[in-house]
Amino acid sequence: MDVRELQRERLRQYVSAEAAILRGQSYTLEGRSLTRADLSEVRSTIDALLASGVTLDDDAYKPRRTLRAVFVP
């Protein structure tokens, strides 16, 4: 796994965390009250990853191949 794949996976995890935070910042489980991570920290990390060029698109970093056709009369 290269660095870009690790960053892409990290971005996926942060986007999932953001979605969980947006569904509810705190919740109760078996009588214990739990609070999720800080939304502003998660959002700033997502912004930093996006600014560095990381995308969720797996094909974004695959080498592109171009083909050229030459017609011979």
N, C-alpha and C. Protein backbone atom coordinates (compact mmCIF):
# COMPACT_ATOMS: atom_id res chain seq x y z
N MET A 1 0.86 -1.17 0.00
CA MET A 1 0.00 0.00 0.00
C MET A 1 0.91 1.23 0.00
N ASP A 2 0.70 2.11 -0.97
CA ASP A 2 1.53 3.31 -1.04
C ASP A 2 0.91 4.45 -0.24
N VAL A 3 1.61 5.57 -0.21
CA VAL A 3 1.20 6.71 0.61
C VAL A 3 -0.15 7.26 0.16
N ARG A 4 -0.37 7.35 -1.15
CA ARG A 4 -1.65 7.88 -1.65
C ARG A 4 -2.81 6.98 -1.23
N GLU A 5 -2.62 5.68 -1.26
CA GLU A 5 -3.69 4.77 -0.83
C GLU A 5 -3.97 4.93 0.66
N LEU A 6 -2.92 5.12 1.45
CA LEU A 6 -3.11 5.34 2.89
C LEU A 6 -3.86 6.65 3.14
N GLN A 7 -3.50 7.70 2.41
CA GLN A 7 -4.19 8.97 2.56
C GLN A 7 -5.64 8.87 2.11
N ARG A 8 -5.88 8.14 1.04
CA ARG A 8 -7.25 7.95 0.55
C ARG A 8 -8.09 7.22 1.59
N GLU A 9 -7.51 6.20 2.22
CA GLU A 9 -8.24 5.45 3.26
C GLU A 9 -8.49 6.35 4.47
N ARG A 10 -7.52 7.17 4.81
CA ARG A 10 -7.69 8.10 5.93
C ARG A 10 -8.82 9.08 5.63
N LEU A 11 -8.87 9.58 4.40
CA LEU A 11 -9.95 10.49 4.01
C LEU A 11 -11.30 9.79 4.12
N ARG A 12 -11.39 8.55 3.68
CA ARG A 12 -12.65 7.79 3.80
C ARG A 12 -13.09 7.69 5.26
N GLN A 13 -12.14 7.40 6.14
CA GLN A 13 -12.46 7.26 7.56
C GLN A 13 -12.92 8.58 8.16
N TYR A 14 -12.28 9.68 7.78
CA TYR A 14 -12.69 10.99 8.29
C TYR A 14 -14.06 11.40 7.76
N VAL A 15 -14.35 11.08 6.51
CA VAL A 15 -15.68 11.38 5.97
C VAL A 15 -16.75 10.57 6.70
N SER A 16 -16.44 9.29 7.01
CA SER A 16 -17.37 8.46 7.78
C SER A 16 -17.56 9.02 9.19
N ALA A 17 -16.47 9.48 9.79
CA ALA A 17 -16.56 10.07 11.13
C ALA A 17 -17.41 11.34 11.10
N GLU A 18 -17.24 12.14 10.06
CA GLU A 18 -18.04 13.36 9.94
C GLU A 18 -19.52 13.02 9.83
N ALA A 19 -19.84 11.99 9.04
CA ALA A 19 -21.24 11.58 8.90
C ALA A 19 -21.81 11.10 10.24
N ALA A 20 -21.01 10.36 11.00
CA ALA A 20 -21.47 9.89 12.32
C ALA A 20 -21.70 11.06 13.27
N ILE A 21 -20.81 12.04 13.23
CA ILE A 21 -20.97 13.21 14.09
C ILE A 21 -22.23 13.98 13.72
N LEU A 22 -22.47 14.11 12.40
CA LEU A 22 -23.65 14.86 11.96
C LEU A 22 -24.95 14.14 12.31
N ARG A 23 -24.92 12.81 12.43
CA ARG A 23 -26.12 12.07 12.84
C ARG A 23 -26.44 12.30 14.31
N GLY A 24 -25.42 12.60 15.10
CA GLY A 24 -25.64 12.86 16.51
C GLY A 24 -24.31 13.00 17.23
N GLN A 25 -24.10 14.12 17.90
CA GLN A 25 -22.82 14.38 18.54
C GLN A 25 -22.63 13.50 19.78
N SER A 26 -23.70 13.21 20.49
CA SER A 26 -23.57 12.36 21.67
C SER A 26 -24.69 11.32 21.67
N TYR A 27 -24.41 10.24 22.34
CA TYR A 27 -25.39 9.16 22.42
C TYR A 27 -25.19 8.39 23.71
N THR A 28 -26.19 7.59 24.08
CA THR A 28 -26.12 6.81 25.30
C THR A 28 -26.12 5.33 24.95
N LEU A 29 -25.22 4.59 25.56
CA LEU A 29 -25.09 3.16 25.32
C LEU A 29 -24.95 2.47 26.67
N GLU A 30 -25.90 1.63 26.99
CA GLU A 30 -25.91 0.89 28.25
C GLU A 30 -25.74 1.82 29.45
N GLY A 31 -26.46 2.93 29.44
CA GLY A 31 -26.44 3.85 30.56
C GLY A 31 -25.26 4.80 30.59
N ARG A 32 -24.33 4.66 29.65
CA ARG A 32 -23.17 5.56 29.59
C ARG A 32 -23.38 6.58 28.48
N SER A 33 -23.10 7.82 28.78
CA SER A 33 -23.22 8.88 27.78
C SER A 33 -21.86 9.08 27.10
N LEU A 34 -21.85 8.98 25.79
CA LEU A 34 -20.61 9.11 25.02
C LEU A 34 -20.72 10.28 24.05
N THR A 35 -19.61 10.95 23.82
CA THR A 35 -19.57 12.09 22.91
C THR A 35 -18.58 11.79 21.79
N ARG A 36 -19.00 12.05 20.57
CA ARG A 36 -18.13 11.82 19.41
C ARG A 36 -17.05 12.90 19.33
N ALA A 37 -16.17 12.75 18.35
CA ALA A 37 -15.07 13.70 18.15
C ALA A 37 -15.59 15.08 17.80
N ASP A 38 -14.70 16.04 17.87
CA ASP A 38 -15.03 17.44 17.58
C ASP A 38 -15.19 17.62 16.07
N LEU A 39 -16.34 18.10 15.63
CA LEU A 39 -16.63 18.26 14.22
C LEU A 39 -15.65 19.21 13.54
N SER A 40 -15.25 20.28 14.19
CA SER A 40 -14.33 21.23 13.55
C SER A 40 -12.96 20.61 13.29
N GLU A 41 -12.48 19.75 14.19
CA GLU A 41 -11.21 19.06 13.97
C GLU A 41 -11.31 18.08 12.81
N VAL A 42 -12.40 17.33 12.76
CA VAL A 42 -12.60 16.37 11.67
C VAL A 42 -12.70 17.12 10.34
N ARG A 43 -13.46 18.20 10.33
CA ARG A 43 -13.63 18.98 9.10
C ARG A 43 -12.32 19.58 8.63
N SER A 44 -11.49 20.09 9.55
CA SER A 44 -10.21 20.69 9.15
C SER A 44 -9.26 19.63 8.59
N THR A 45 -9.30 18.42 9.13
CA THR A 45 -8.47 17.34 8.60
C THR A 45 -8.94 16.94 7.20
N ILE A 46 -10.24 16.87 7.00
CA ILE A 46 -10.78 16.57 5.66
C ILE A 46 -10.33 17.64 4.68
N ASP A 47 -10.44 18.90 5.07
CA ASP A 47 -10.03 20.00 4.20
C ASP A 47 -8.55 19.92 3.86
N ALA A 48 -7.72 19.58 4.85
CA ALA A 48 -6.27 19.47 4.61
C ALA A 48 -5.96 18.33 3.65
N LEU A 49 -6.64 17.19 3.81
CA LEU A 49 -6.41 16.07 2.91
C LEU A 49 -6.84 16.42 1.49
N LEU A 50 -7.98 17.08 1.35
CA LEU A 50 -8.45 17.47 0.02
C LEU A 50 -7.50 18.50 -0.61
N ALA A 51 -6.99 19.42 0.20
CA ALA A 51 -6.07 20.44 -0.31
C ALA A 51 -4.76 19.82 -0.78
N SER A 52 -4.38 18.69 -0.19
CA SER A 52 -3.14 18.04 -0.60
C SER A 52 -3.32 17.18 -1.85
N GLY A 53 -4.55 17.14 -2.36
CA GLY A 53 -4.79 16.43 -3.61
C GLY A 53 -5.39 15.05 -3.46
N VAL A 54 -5.69 14.64 -2.26
CA VAL A 54 -6.29 13.31 -2.04
C VAL A 54 -7.75 13.34 -2.46
N THR A 55 -8.19 12.31 -3.15
CA THR A 55 -9.60 12.20 -3.53
C THR A 55 -10.11 10.83 -3.11
N LEU A 56 -11.42 10.69 -3.10
CA LEU A 56 -12.01 9.39 -2.81
C LEU A 56 -12.07 8.51 -4.05
N ASP A 57 -11.79 9.09 -5.20
CA ASP A 57 -11.81 8.35 -6.46
C ASP A 57 -10.57 7.48 -6.56
N ASP A 58 -10.75 6.16 -6.60
CA ASP A 58 -9.62 5.24 -6.67
C ASP A 58 -8.85 5.36 -7.97
N ASP A 59 -9.50 5.83 -9.02
CA ASP A 59 -8.83 5.92 -10.32
C ASP A 59 -8.05 7.22 -10.48
N ALA A 60 -8.11 8.11 -9.54
CA ALA A 60 -7.50 9.42 -9.69
C ALA A 60 -5.98 9.34 -9.82
N TYR A 61 -5.37 8.32 -9.25
CA TYR A 61 -3.91 8.25 -9.25
C TYR A 61 -3.38 7.11 -10.10
N LYS A 62 -4.24 6.46 -10.82
CA LYS A 62 -3.77 5.43 -11.73
C LYS A 62 -3.20 6.10 -12.97
N PRO A 63 -2.11 5.57 -13.48
CA PRO A 63 -1.54 6.18 -14.67
C PRO A 63 -2.53 6.14 -15.83
N ARG A 64 -2.60 7.20 -16.55
CA ARG A 64 -3.48 7.28 -17.71
C ARG A 64 -2.71 6.83 -18.94
N ARG A 65 -3.37 6.06 -19.76
CA ARG A 65 -2.77 5.65 -21.02
C ARG A 65 -3.54 6.29 -22.15
N THR A 66 -2.80 6.80 -23.10
CA THR A 66 -3.45 7.35 -24.28
C THR A 66 -3.05 6.51 -25.47
N LEU A 67 -3.95 6.36 -26.37
CA LEU A 67 -3.69 5.60 -27.59
C LEU A 67 -3.79 6.56 -28.76
N ARG A 68 -2.93 6.31 -29.72
CA ARG A 68 -2.94 7.13 -30.92
C ARG A 68 -3.12 6.22 -32.12
N ALA A 69 -4.04 6.58 -32.97
CA ALA A 69 -4.27 5.79 -34.18
C ALA A 69 -3.64 6.53 -35.36
N VAL A 70 -2.91 5.80 -36.14
CA VAL A 70 -2.31 6.37 -37.35
C VAL A 70 -2.90 5.60 -38.52
N PHE A 71 -3.59 6.33 -39.36
CA PHE A 71 -4.22 5.70 -40.53
C PHE A 71 -3.23 5.76 -41.70
N VAL A 72 -2.96 4.62 -42.27
CA VAL A 72 -2.04 4.52 -43.40
C VAL A 72 -2.88 4.28 -44.66
N PRO A 73 -2.70 5.15 -45.68
CA PRO A 73 -3.51 4.96 -46.91
C PRO A 73 -3.07 3.74 -47.68
